[in-house]
């Protein structure tokens, strides 16, 4: 997982807020194509097929969120799922914010909103994500999230480069944020 967000030099430990007129909610299938475009235009995310984003918005809407600008247009998203073998763990798959809105704390708002919404419906004890080495934006985003929630981040390589079918893929480092209490 990588985050398509310009990381500000300061880290947002305070609770981030949305711009005036914006909202966050569950994605709908109609958001799938816009979310795919945001992922593709990020230049850093592993882009899945457009069809997969449509399915994700339909089948994993309860564990994903979309930020909508004042016109109601998707301007950022976070996709995730509850791990089948660890149903108290939310795995965050992708986080991205449209280029004109990066650096405003929207990704942090998305993570806070999604984890609170998931915790209201399920027991949530941990958030996990994978981050490629050197992805400072993702590291800052998830470290700030952990601090806001009064916990820490543990890291371990989940998938080494050799696990991928094509050469050149960096390791995916698991970042586990726990324990969480809501």
N, C-alpha and C. Protein backbone atom coordinates (compact mmCIF):
# COMPACT_ATOMS: atom_id res chain seq x y z
N UNK A 1 0.85 -1.17 0.00
CA UNK A 1 0.00 0.00 0.00
C UNK A 1 0.89 1.22 0.00
N UNK A 2 0.54 2.16 -0.77
CA UNK A 2 1.20 3.45 -0.72
C UNK A 2 0.13 4.52 -0.61
N UNK A 3 0.54 5.65 -0.13
CA UNK A 3 -0.37 6.78 0.01
C UNK A 3 0.01 7.82 -1.01
N UNK A 4 -0.94 8.25 -1.76
CA UNK A 4 -0.72 9.32 -2.73
C UNK A 4 -1.10 10.62 -2.06
N UNK A 5 -0.18 11.17 -1.32
CA UNK A 5 -0.45 12.40 -0.59
C UNK A 5 0.87 13.13 -0.44
N UNK A 6 0.85 14.40 -0.61
CA UNK A 6 2.02 15.20 -0.32
C UNK A 6 2.11 15.35 1.18
N UNK A 7 3.19 14.83 1.75
CA UNK A 7 3.34 14.90 3.20
C UNK A 7 3.87 16.27 3.59
N UNK A 8 3.15 16.98 4.44
CA UNK A 8 3.67 18.27 4.90
C UNK A 8 4.88 18.03 5.79
N UNK A 9 5.68 19.05 5.93
CA UNK A 9 6.88 18.93 6.76
C UNK A 9 6.51 18.70 8.22
N UNK A 10 5.40 19.28 8.68
CA UNK A 10 4.96 19.02 10.04
C UNK A 10 4.02 17.83 10.03
N UNK A 11 3.93 17.15 11.12
CA UNK A 11 3.07 15.98 11.21
C UNK A 11 1.79 16.38 11.93
N UNK A 12 0.67 15.95 11.41
CA UNK A 12 -0.62 16.32 11.99
C UNK A 12 -0.99 15.39 13.13
N UNK A 13 -0.58 15.76 14.35
CA UNK A 13 -0.97 14.98 15.51
C UNK A 13 -2.35 15.39 16.02
N UNK A 14 -2.75 16.63 15.71
CA UNK A 14 -4.07 17.07 16.11
C UNK A 14 -5.09 16.40 15.17
N UNK A 15 -6.33 16.38 15.62
CA UNK A 15 -7.36 15.78 14.79
C UNK A 15 -7.56 16.63 13.53
N UNK A 16 -7.35 16.03 12.36
CA UNK A 16 -7.53 16.80 11.12
C UNK A 16 -9.00 17.09 10.86
N UNK A 17 -9.25 18.14 10.10
CA UNK A 17 -10.62 18.53 9.77
C UNK A 17 -10.75 18.68 8.26
N UNK A 18 -11.96 18.50 7.78
CA UNK A 18 -12.25 18.64 6.35
C UNK A 18 -12.44 20.10 5.98
N UNK A 19 -12.17 20.45 4.74
CA UNK A 19 -12.51 21.79 4.26
C UNK A 19 -14.03 22.01 4.35
N UNK A 20 -14.43 23.24 4.46
CA UNK A 20 -15.84 23.62 4.57
C UNK A 20 -16.64 23.06 3.39
N UNK A 21 -17.76 22.45 3.69
CA UNK A 21 -18.64 21.93 2.66
C UNK A 21 -18.32 20.51 2.20
N UNK A 22 -17.22 19.95 2.69
CA UNK A 22 -16.84 18.59 2.32
C UNK A 22 -17.55 17.59 3.23
N UNK A 23 -17.60 16.33 2.78
CA UNK A 23 -18.19 15.27 3.58
C UNK A 23 -17.42 13.98 3.36
N UNK A 24 -17.61 13.06 4.28
CA UNK A 24 -17.01 11.72 4.15
C UNK A 24 -18.11 10.71 4.36
N UNK A 25 -18.09 9.66 3.55
CA UNK A 25 -19.07 8.60 3.70
C UNK A 25 -18.64 7.34 3.01
N UNK A 26 -19.56 6.42 2.94
CA UNK A 26 -19.31 5.15 2.26
C UNK A 26 -19.23 5.39 0.76
N UNK A 27 -18.32 4.70 0.08
CA UNK A 27 -18.32 4.82 -1.37
C UNK A 27 -19.51 4.07 -1.97
N UNK A 28 -19.90 4.50 -3.14
CA UNK A 28 -20.95 3.83 -3.91
C UNK A 28 -20.32 3.34 -5.21
N UNK A 29 -20.94 2.38 -5.84
CA UNK A 29 -20.39 1.84 -7.10
C UNK A 29 -20.11 2.97 -8.09
N UNK A 30 -20.94 3.99 -8.10
CA UNK A 30 -20.75 5.11 -9.02
C UNK A 30 -19.44 5.86 -8.76
N UNK A 31 -18.84 5.71 -7.57
CA UNK A 31 -17.57 6.36 -7.25
C UNK A 31 -16.37 5.60 -7.81
N UNK A 32 -16.58 4.37 -8.22
CA UNK A 32 -15.48 3.50 -8.63
C UNK A 32 -14.59 4.08 -9.71
N UNK A 33 -15.18 4.65 -10.75
CA UNK A 33 -14.35 5.17 -11.84
C UNK A 33 -13.55 6.39 -11.40
N UNK A 34 -14.13 7.24 -10.57
CA UNK A 34 -13.41 8.42 -10.08
C UNK A 34 -12.27 7.99 -9.14
N UNK A 35 -12.53 7.03 -8.29
CA UNK A 35 -11.50 6.52 -7.38
C UNK A 35 -10.36 5.90 -8.19
N UNK A 36 -10.70 5.15 -9.23
CA UNK A 36 -9.66 4.58 -10.10
C UNK A 36 -8.80 5.69 -10.70
N UNK A 37 -9.43 6.77 -11.17
CA UNK A 37 -8.67 7.89 -11.75
C UNK A 37 -7.74 8.54 -10.72
N UNK A 38 -8.23 8.73 -9.51
CA UNK A 38 -7.39 9.31 -8.45
C UNK A 38 -6.19 8.40 -8.18
N UNK A 39 -6.43 7.10 -8.11
CA UNK A 39 -5.33 6.15 -7.89
C UNK A 39 -4.34 6.20 -9.05
N UNK A 40 -4.84 6.18 -10.26
CA UNK A 40 -3.97 6.20 -11.44
C UNK A 40 -3.16 7.49 -11.52
N UNK A 41 -3.80 8.61 -11.27
CA UNK A 41 -3.12 9.90 -11.37
C UNK A 41 -2.19 10.18 -10.20
N UNK A 42 -2.26 9.36 -9.16
CA UNK A 42 -1.35 9.55 -8.03
C UNK A 42 0.09 9.33 -8.44
N UNK A 43 0.30 8.45 -9.40
CA UNK A 43 1.66 8.16 -9.86
C UNK A 43 2.45 7.25 -8.94
N UNK A 44 1.89 6.86 -7.79
CA UNK A 44 2.62 6.01 -6.87
C UNK A 44 1.86 4.75 -6.43
N UNK A 45 0.56 4.75 -6.56
CA UNK A 45 -0.20 3.57 -6.15
C UNK A 45 -0.08 2.46 -7.18
N UNK A 46 -0.13 1.21 -6.71
CA UNK A 46 -0.30 0.09 -7.61
C UNK A 46 -1.75 0.17 -8.08
N UNK A 47 -1.96 0.48 -9.34
CA UNK A 47 -3.31 0.71 -9.85
C UNK A 47 -3.94 -0.62 -10.25
N UNK A 48 -5.09 -0.88 -9.70
CA UNK A 48 -5.86 -2.07 -10.04
C UNK A 48 -6.74 -1.75 -11.25
N UNK A 49 -7.43 -2.75 -11.76
CA UNK A 49 -8.30 -2.52 -12.91
C UNK A 49 -9.47 -1.62 -12.51
N UNK A 50 -10.02 -0.86 -13.46
CA UNK A 50 -11.21 -0.05 -13.14
C UNK A 50 -12.34 -0.90 -12.56
N UNK A 51 -12.49 -2.11 -13.08
CA UNK A 51 -13.53 -3.01 -12.61
C UNK A 51 -13.35 -3.32 -11.12
N UNK A 52 -12.10 -3.51 -10.68
CA UNK A 52 -11.88 -3.84 -9.27
C UNK A 52 -12.31 -2.69 -8.36
N UNK A 53 -12.14 -1.44 -8.79
CA UNK A 53 -12.58 -0.31 -7.97
C UNK A 53 -14.11 -0.25 -7.90
N UNK A 54 -14.77 -0.60 -9.00
CA UNK A 54 -16.23 -0.67 -8.97
C UNK A 54 -16.70 -1.72 -7.97
N UNK A 55 -16.07 -2.90 -8.04
CA UNK A 55 -16.43 -3.97 -7.10
C UNK A 55 -16.10 -3.58 -5.66
N UNK A 56 -14.94 -2.94 -5.48
CA UNK A 56 -14.54 -2.55 -4.12
C UNK A 56 -15.59 -1.61 -3.51
N UNK A 57 -16.04 -0.64 -4.32
CA UNK A 57 -17.04 0.31 -3.82
C UNK A 57 -18.36 -0.37 -3.51
N UNK A 58 -18.67 -1.44 -4.21
CA UNK A 58 -19.90 -2.17 -3.94
C UNK A 58 -19.74 -3.15 -2.79
N UNK A 59 -18.68 -3.96 -2.81
CA UNK A 59 -18.55 -5.08 -1.88
C UNK A 59 -17.83 -4.74 -0.57
N UNK A 60 -17.02 -3.70 -0.56
CA UNK A 60 -16.27 -3.34 0.64
C UNK A 60 -16.57 -1.90 1.08
N UNK A 61 -17.75 -1.42 0.78
CA UNK A 61 -18.13 -0.06 1.15
C UNK A 61 -18.14 0.14 2.67
N UNK A 62 -18.46 -0.91 3.42
CA UNK A 62 -18.50 -0.78 4.88
C UNK A 62 -17.12 -0.56 5.48
N UNK A 63 -16.07 -0.95 4.77
CA UNK A 63 -14.71 -0.81 5.28
C UNK A 63 -13.87 0.10 4.40
N UNK A 64 -14.54 1.00 3.70
CA UNK A 64 -13.87 1.98 2.86
C UNK A 64 -14.59 3.32 3.04
N UNK A 65 -13.94 4.39 2.60
CA UNK A 65 -14.54 5.72 2.74
C UNK A 65 -14.12 6.59 1.57
N UNK A 66 -14.97 7.55 1.27
CA UNK A 66 -14.68 8.52 0.21
C UNK A 66 -14.91 9.92 0.76
N UNK A 67 -13.99 10.82 0.43
CA UNK A 67 -14.15 12.24 0.78
C UNK A 67 -14.73 12.94 -0.44
N UNK A 68 -15.78 13.70 -0.22
CA UNK A 68 -16.43 14.43 -1.31
C UNK A 68 -16.24 15.92 -1.10
N UNK A 69 -15.90 16.59 -2.20
CA UNK A 69 -15.73 18.04 -2.12
C UNK A 69 -17.10 18.72 -2.02
N UNK A 70 -17.11 20.02 -1.99
CA UNK A 70 -18.36 20.77 -1.80
C UNK A 70 -19.36 20.52 -2.92
N UNK A 71 -18.89 20.06 -4.09
CA UNK A 71 -19.80 19.74 -5.20
C UNK A 71 -20.27 18.29 -5.16
N UNK A 72 -19.80 17.52 -4.16
CA UNK A 72 -20.20 16.12 -4.04
C UNK A 72 -19.34 15.17 -4.84
N UNK A 73 -18.27 15.65 -5.39
CA UNK A 73 -17.38 14.84 -6.23
C UNK A 73 -16.31 14.17 -5.37
N UNK A 74 -16.06 12.88 -5.62
CA UNK A 74 -15.02 12.16 -4.88
C UNK A 74 -13.67 12.84 -5.10
N UNK A 75 -13.01 13.19 -3.98
CA UNK A 75 -11.72 13.87 -4.05
C UNK A 75 -10.64 13.13 -3.27
N UNK A 76 -11.01 12.05 -2.62
CA UNK A 76 -10.06 11.23 -1.89
C UNK A 76 -10.76 9.97 -1.43
N UNK A 77 -9.97 8.96 -1.12
CA UNK A 77 -10.56 7.70 -0.69
C UNK A 77 -9.59 6.90 0.15
N UNK A 78 -10.15 5.98 0.91
CA UNK A 78 -9.39 4.95 1.60
C UNK A 78 -10.16 3.65 1.40
N UNK A 79 -9.46 2.62 0.99
CA UNK A 79 -10.08 1.31 0.83
C UNK A 79 -9.47 0.36 1.86
N UNK A 80 -10.29 -0.50 2.39
CA UNK A 80 -9.81 -1.44 3.39
C UNK A 80 -10.76 -2.62 3.52
N UNK A 81 -10.36 -3.55 4.39
CA UNK A 81 -11.20 -4.71 4.68
C UNK A 81 -10.81 -5.27 6.04
N UNK A 82 -11.73 -5.98 6.66
CA UNK A 82 -11.43 -6.69 7.90
C UNK A 82 -10.78 -8.01 7.51
N UNK A 83 -9.64 -8.30 8.12
CA UNK A 83 -8.90 -9.52 7.78
C UNK A 83 -9.70 -10.74 8.21
N UNK A 84 -9.95 -11.68 7.31
CA UNK A 84 -10.74 -12.86 7.67
C UNK A 84 -10.15 -13.65 8.85
N UNK A 85 -8.82 -13.77 8.92
CA UNK A 85 -8.20 -14.52 10.00
C UNK A 85 -8.02 -13.67 11.26
N UNK A 86 -8.24 -12.37 11.14
CA UNK A 86 -8.10 -11.46 12.29
C UNK A 86 -9.18 -10.39 12.17
N UNK A 87 -10.44 -10.75 12.42
CA UNK A 87 -11.55 -9.83 12.15
C UNK A 87 -11.58 -8.58 13.01
N UNK A 88 -10.68 -8.44 13.98
CA UNK A 88 -10.59 -7.21 14.76
C UNK A 88 -9.51 -6.29 14.20
N UNK A 89 -9.02 -6.64 12.98
CA UNK A 89 -7.97 -5.85 12.32
C UNK A 89 -8.48 -5.33 11.00
N UNK A 90 -8.40 -4.01 10.83
CA UNK A 90 -8.73 -3.36 9.57
C UNK A 90 -7.45 -3.22 8.76
N UNK A 91 -7.42 -3.85 7.60
CA UNK A 91 -6.28 -3.70 6.70
C UNK A 91 -6.61 -2.57 5.74
N UNK A 92 -5.80 -1.51 5.75
CA UNK A 92 -5.98 -0.39 4.84
C UNK A 92 -5.21 -0.71 3.57
N UNK A 93 -5.93 -0.81 2.46
CA UNK A 93 -5.36 -1.20 1.18
C UNK A 93 -4.74 0.00 0.45
N UNK A 94 -5.52 1.02 0.23
CA UNK A 94 -5.02 2.21 -0.46
C UNK A 94 -5.62 3.47 0.14
N UNK A 95 -4.84 4.53 0.11
CA UNK A 95 -5.29 5.86 0.51
C UNK A 95 -4.78 6.82 -0.56
N UNK A 96 -5.67 7.65 -1.08
CA UNK A 96 -5.23 8.65 -2.07
C UNK A 96 -6.14 9.86 -2.00
N UNK A 97 -5.53 11.00 -2.27
CA UNK A 97 -6.24 12.27 -2.33
C UNK A 97 -5.90 12.91 -3.66
N UNK A 98 -6.91 13.46 -4.33
CA UNK A 98 -6.71 14.12 -5.61
C UNK A 98 -5.66 15.23 -5.47
N UNK A 99 -4.81 15.36 -6.46
CA UNK A 99 -3.65 16.26 -6.39
C UNK A 99 -3.94 17.67 -5.88
N UNK A 100 -4.99 18.35 -6.34
CA UNK A 100 -5.20 19.73 -5.85
C UNK A 100 -5.51 19.83 -4.35
N UNK A 101 -5.84 18.71 -3.72
CA UNK A 101 -6.27 18.73 -2.33
C UNK A 101 -5.27 18.07 -1.38
N UNK A 102 -4.12 17.67 -1.88
CA UNK A 102 -3.13 17.01 -1.03
C UNK A 102 -2.51 18.00 -0.07
N UNK A 103 -2.08 17.48 1.07
CA UNK A 103 -1.42 18.30 2.08
C UNK A 103 -2.36 19.05 3.00
N UNK A 104 -3.66 18.79 2.88
CA UNK A 104 -4.66 19.47 3.71
C UNK A 104 -5.13 18.64 4.90
N UNK A 105 -4.60 17.42 5.02
CA UNK A 105 -5.02 16.55 6.12
C UNK A 105 -6.20 15.66 5.79
N UNK A 106 -6.63 15.64 4.55
CA UNK A 106 -7.81 14.86 4.16
C UNK A 106 -7.59 13.37 4.36
N UNK A 107 -6.39 12.88 4.07
CA UNK A 107 -6.11 11.45 4.27
C UNK A 107 -6.26 11.08 5.74
N UNK A 108 -5.81 11.95 6.64
CA UNK A 108 -5.97 11.70 8.07
C UNK A 108 -7.42 11.68 8.49
N UNK A 109 -8.22 12.59 7.94
CA UNK A 109 -9.65 12.61 8.24
C UNK A 109 -10.29 11.31 7.76
N UNK A 110 -9.92 10.88 6.56
CA UNK A 110 -10.46 9.63 6.02
C UNK A 110 -10.15 8.45 6.94
N UNK A 111 -8.91 8.34 7.39
CA UNK A 111 -8.53 7.22 8.28
C UNK A 111 -9.27 7.28 9.61
N UNK A 112 -9.35 8.48 10.20
CA UNK A 112 -10.06 8.61 11.47
C UNK A 112 -11.54 8.26 11.31
N UNK A 113 -12.16 8.77 10.26
CA UNK A 113 -13.57 8.50 10.02
C UNK A 113 -13.81 7.01 9.81
N UNK A 114 -12.99 6.41 8.94
CA UNK A 114 -13.21 5.00 8.62
C UNK A 114 -13.02 4.12 9.85
N UNK A 115 -11.96 4.35 10.61
CA UNK A 115 -11.74 3.48 11.77
C UNK A 115 -12.85 3.66 12.81
N UNK A 116 -13.34 4.87 13.00
CA UNK A 116 -14.46 5.09 13.94
C UNK A 116 -15.73 4.41 13.44
N UNK A 117 -15.99 4.48 12.14
CA UNK A 117 -17.18 3.85 11.58
C UNK A 117 -17.10 2.32 11.70
N UNK A 118 -15.93 1.76 11.40
CA UNK A 118 -15.75 0.31 11.52
C UNK A 118 -15.89 -0.10 12.98
N UNK A 119 -15.27 0.67 13.89
CA UNK A 119 -15.33 0.34 15.31
C UNK A 119 -16.75 0.42 15.87
N UNK A 120 -17.61 1.24 15.27
CA UNK A 120 -19.00 1.33 15.72
C UNK A 120 -19.79 0.07 15.36
N UNK A 121 -19.33 -0.65 14.35
CA UNK A 121 -20.05 -1.85 13.91
C UNK A 121 -19.36 -3.16 14.30
N UNK A 122 -18.06 -3.10 14.58
CA UNK A 122 -17.27 -4.29 14.89
C UNK A 122 -16.27 -3.94 15.98
N UNK A 123 -15.74 -4.95 16.62
CA UNK A 123 -14.63 -4.71 17.53
C UNK A 123 -13.41 -4.40 16.67
N UNK A 124 -12.75 -3.30 16.95
CA UNK A 124 -11.55 -2.92 16.18
C UNK A 124 -10.40 -2.73 17.16
N UNK A 125 -9.40 -3.59 17.05
CA UNK A 125 -8.24 -3.55 17.94
C UNK A 125 -6.97 -3.10 17.24
N UNK A 126 -6.95 -3.17 15.88
CA UNK A 126 -5.72 -2.83 15.16
C UNK A 126 -6.04 -2.35 13.75
N UNK A 127 -5.16 -1.50 13.24
CA UNK A 127 -5.16 -1.10 11.83
C UNK A 127 -3.82 -1.53 11.27
N UNK A 128 -3.85 -2.17 10.11
CA UNK A 128 -2.63 -2.56 9.43
C UNK A 128 -2.61 -1.97 8.03
N UNK A 129 -1.41 -1.75 7.54
CA UNK A 129 -1.20 -1.34 6.16
C UNK A 129 0.19 -1.78 5.77
N UNK A 130 0.47 -1.81 4.49
CA UNK A 130 1.84 -2.04 4.05
C UNK A 130 2.33 -0.80 3.35
N UNK A 131 3.61 -0.50 3.55
CA UNK A 131 4.22 0.69 2.98
C UNK A 131 5.56 0.30 2.40
N UNK A 132 5.81 0.74 1.19
CA UNK A 132 7.11 0.50 0.56
C UNK A 132 8.17 1.35 1.24
N UNK A 133 9.39 0.83 1.37
CA UNK A 133 10.46 1.61 2.00
C UNK A 133 10.63 2.96 1.30
N UNK A 134 10.81 3.99 2.11
CA UNK A 134 11.04 5.32 1.55
C UNK A 134 9.79 6.11 1.24
N UNK A 135 8.61 5.55 1.45
CA UNK A 135 7.37 6.28 1.21
C UNK A 135 7.06 7.11 2.45
N UNK A 136 7.70 8.26 2.52
CA UNK A 136 7.60 9.13 3.68
C UNK A 136 6.18 9.61 3.94
N UNK A 137 5.42 9.89 2.87
CA UNK A 137 4.05 10.37 3.05
C UNK A 137 3.21 9.34 3.81
N UNK A 138 3.31 8.08 3.43
CA UNK A 138 2.55 7.04 4.12
C UNK A 138 3.03 6.85 5.54
N UNK A 139 4.34 6.84 5.72
CA UNK A 139 4.87 6.67 7.07
C UNK A 139 4.39 7.78 8.00
N UNK A 140 4.40 9.02 7.52
CA UNK A 140 3.94 10.15 8.34
C UNK A 140 2.45 10.05 8.63
N UNK A 141 1.67 9.69 7.61
CA UNK A 141 0.23 9.57 7.78
C UNK A 141 -0.12 8.56 8.87
N UNK A 142 0.47 7.37 8.79
CA UNK A 142 0.11 6.32 9.73
C UNK A 142 0.75 6.53 11.11
N UNK A 143 1.92 7.13 11.17
CA UNK A 143 2.52 7.46 12.46
C UNK A 143 1.68 8.51 13.19
N UNK A 144 1.22 9.52 12.46
CA UNK A 144 0.37 10.55 13.06
C UNK A 144 -0.96 9.94 13.52
N UNK A 145 -1.51 9.03 12.73
CA UNK A 145 -2.75 8.34 13.12
C UNK A 145 -2.52 7.60 14.44
N UNK A 146 -1.42 6.88 14.55
CA UNK A 146 -1.13 6.13 15.77
C UNK A 146 -1.02 7.07 16.97
N UNK A 147 -0.33 8.19 16.81
CA UNK A 147 -0.19 9.14 17.91
C UNK A 147 -1.55 9.72 18.31
N UNK A 148 -2.40 10.06 17.32
CA UNK A 148 -3.72 10.60 17.64
C UNK A 148 -4.55 9.60 18.43
N UNK A 149 -4.30 8.31 18.21
CA UNK A 149 -5.07 7.27 18.88
C UNK A 149 -4.34 6.67 20.07
N UNK A 150 -3.24 7.31 20.48
CA UNK A 150 -2.55 6.93 21.70
C UNK A 150 -1.88 5.57 21.67
N UNK A 151 -1.40 5.17 20.53
CA UNK A 151 -0.76 3.87 20.41
C UNK A 151 0.49 3.98 19.55
N UNK A 152 1.06 2.86 19.19
CA UNK A 152 2.31 2.88 18.44
C UNK A 152 2.20 2.04 17.17
N UNK A 153 3.26 2.11 16.38
CA UNK A 153 3.33 1.36 15.11
C UNK A 153 4.48 0.36 15.22
N UNK A 154 4.20 -0.89 14.92
CA UNK A 154 5.25 -1.91 14.80
C UNK A 154 5.40 -2.24 13.33
N UNK A 155 6.65 -2.44 12.92
CA UNK A 155 6.94 -2.70 11.51
C UNK A 155 7.69 -4.02 11.33
N UNK A 156 7.35 -4.71 10.25
CA UNK A 156 8.04 -5.94 9.86
C UNK A 156 7.79 -6.16 8.37
N UNK A 157 8.77 -6.70 7.68
CA UNK A 157 8.58 -6.97 6.26
C UNK A 157 7.52 -8.06 6.11
N UNK A 158 6.48 -7.76 5.35
CA UNK A 158 5.43 -8.74 5.09
C UNK A 158 5.73 -9.52 3.82
N UNK A 159 6.08 -8.79 2.75
CA UNK A 159 6.41 -9.41 1.48
C UNK A 159 7.74 -8.86 0.98
N UNK A 160 8.79 -9.70 0.92
CA UNK A 160 10.07 -9.24 0.39
C UNK A 160 9.98 -9.10 -1.13
N UNK A 161 10.91 -8.40 -1.74
CA UNK A 161 10.87 -8.23 -3.21
C UNK A 161 10.75 -9.55 -3.97
N UNK A 162 11.37 -10.60 -3.48
CA UNK A 162 11.34 -11.89 -4.18
C UNK A 162 9.94 -12.51 -4.21
N UNK A 163 9.03 -12.05 -3.39
CA UNK A 163 7.67 -12.60 -3.38
C UNK A 163 6.86 -12.15 -4.58
N UNK A 164 7.29 -11.10 -5.26
CA UNK A 164 6.53 -10.55 -6.38
C UNK A 164 6.95 -11.21 -7.69
N UNK A 165 6.02 -11.37 -8.62
CA UNK A 165 6.31 -12.09 -9.86
C UNK A 165 7.21 -11.36 -10.84
N UNK A 166 7.33 -10.04 -10.69
CA UNK A 166 8.17 -9.28 -11.60
C UNK A 166 9.29 -8.60 -10.82
N UNK A 167 10.45 -8.47 -11.43
CA UNK A 167 11.56 -7.82 -10.72
C UNK A 167 11.30 -6.32 -10.55
N UNK A 168 11.93 -5.74 -9.54
CA UNK A 168 11.85 -4.30 -9.33
C UNK A 168 10.84 -3.86 -8.30
N UNK A 169 10.00 -4.77 -7.80
CA UNK A 169 9.03 -4.38 -6.78
C UNK A 169 9.74 -4.32 -5.44
N UNK A 170 9.57 -3.22 -4.73
CA UNK A 170 10.16 -3.09 -3.40
C UNK A 170 9.43 -3.98 -2.40
N UNK A 171 10.07 -4.18 -1.27
CA UNK A 171 9.42 -4.91 -0.18
C UNK A 171 8.17 -4.16 0.25
N UNK A 172 7.22 -4.88 0.77
CA UNK A 172 6.05 -4.27 1.40
C UNK A 172 6.20 -4.51 2.90
N UNK A 173 6.34 -3.41 3.63
CA UNK A 173 6.56 -3.47 5.07
C UNK A 173 5.22 -3.31 5.77
N UNK A 174 4.88 -4.28 6.60
CA UNK A 174 3.64 -4.22 7.37
C UNK A 174 3.81 -3.23 8.51
N UNK A 175 2.88 -2.31 8.63
CA UNK A 175 2.81 -1.36 9.74
C UNK A 175 1.55 -1.72 10.52
N UNK A 176 1.73 -2.17 11.75
CA UNK A 176 0.60 -2.57 12.60
C UNK A 176 0.43 -1.53 13.70
N UNK A 177 -0.75 -0.92 13.73
CA UNK A 177 -1.07 0.11 14.70
C UNK A 177 -2.01 -0.53 15.73
N UNK A 178 -1.48 -0.73 16.93
CA UNK A 178 -2.24 -1.43 17.97
C UNK A 178 -1.55 -1.20 19.31
N UNK A 179 -2.28 -1.36 20.39
CA UNK A 179 -3.71 -1.66 20.46
C UNK A 179 -4.55 -0.39 20.29
N UNK A 180 -5.71 -0.56 19.69
CA UNK A 180 -6.67 0.53 19.54
C UNK A 180 -7.84 0.26 20.47
N UNK A 181 -8.42 1.34 20.96
CA UNK A 181 -9.65 1.20 21.75
C UNK A 181 -10.58 2.36 21.35
N UNK A 182 -11.77 1.99 21.03
CA UNK A 182 -12.78 2.97 20.61
C UNK A 182 -13.96 2.92 21.55
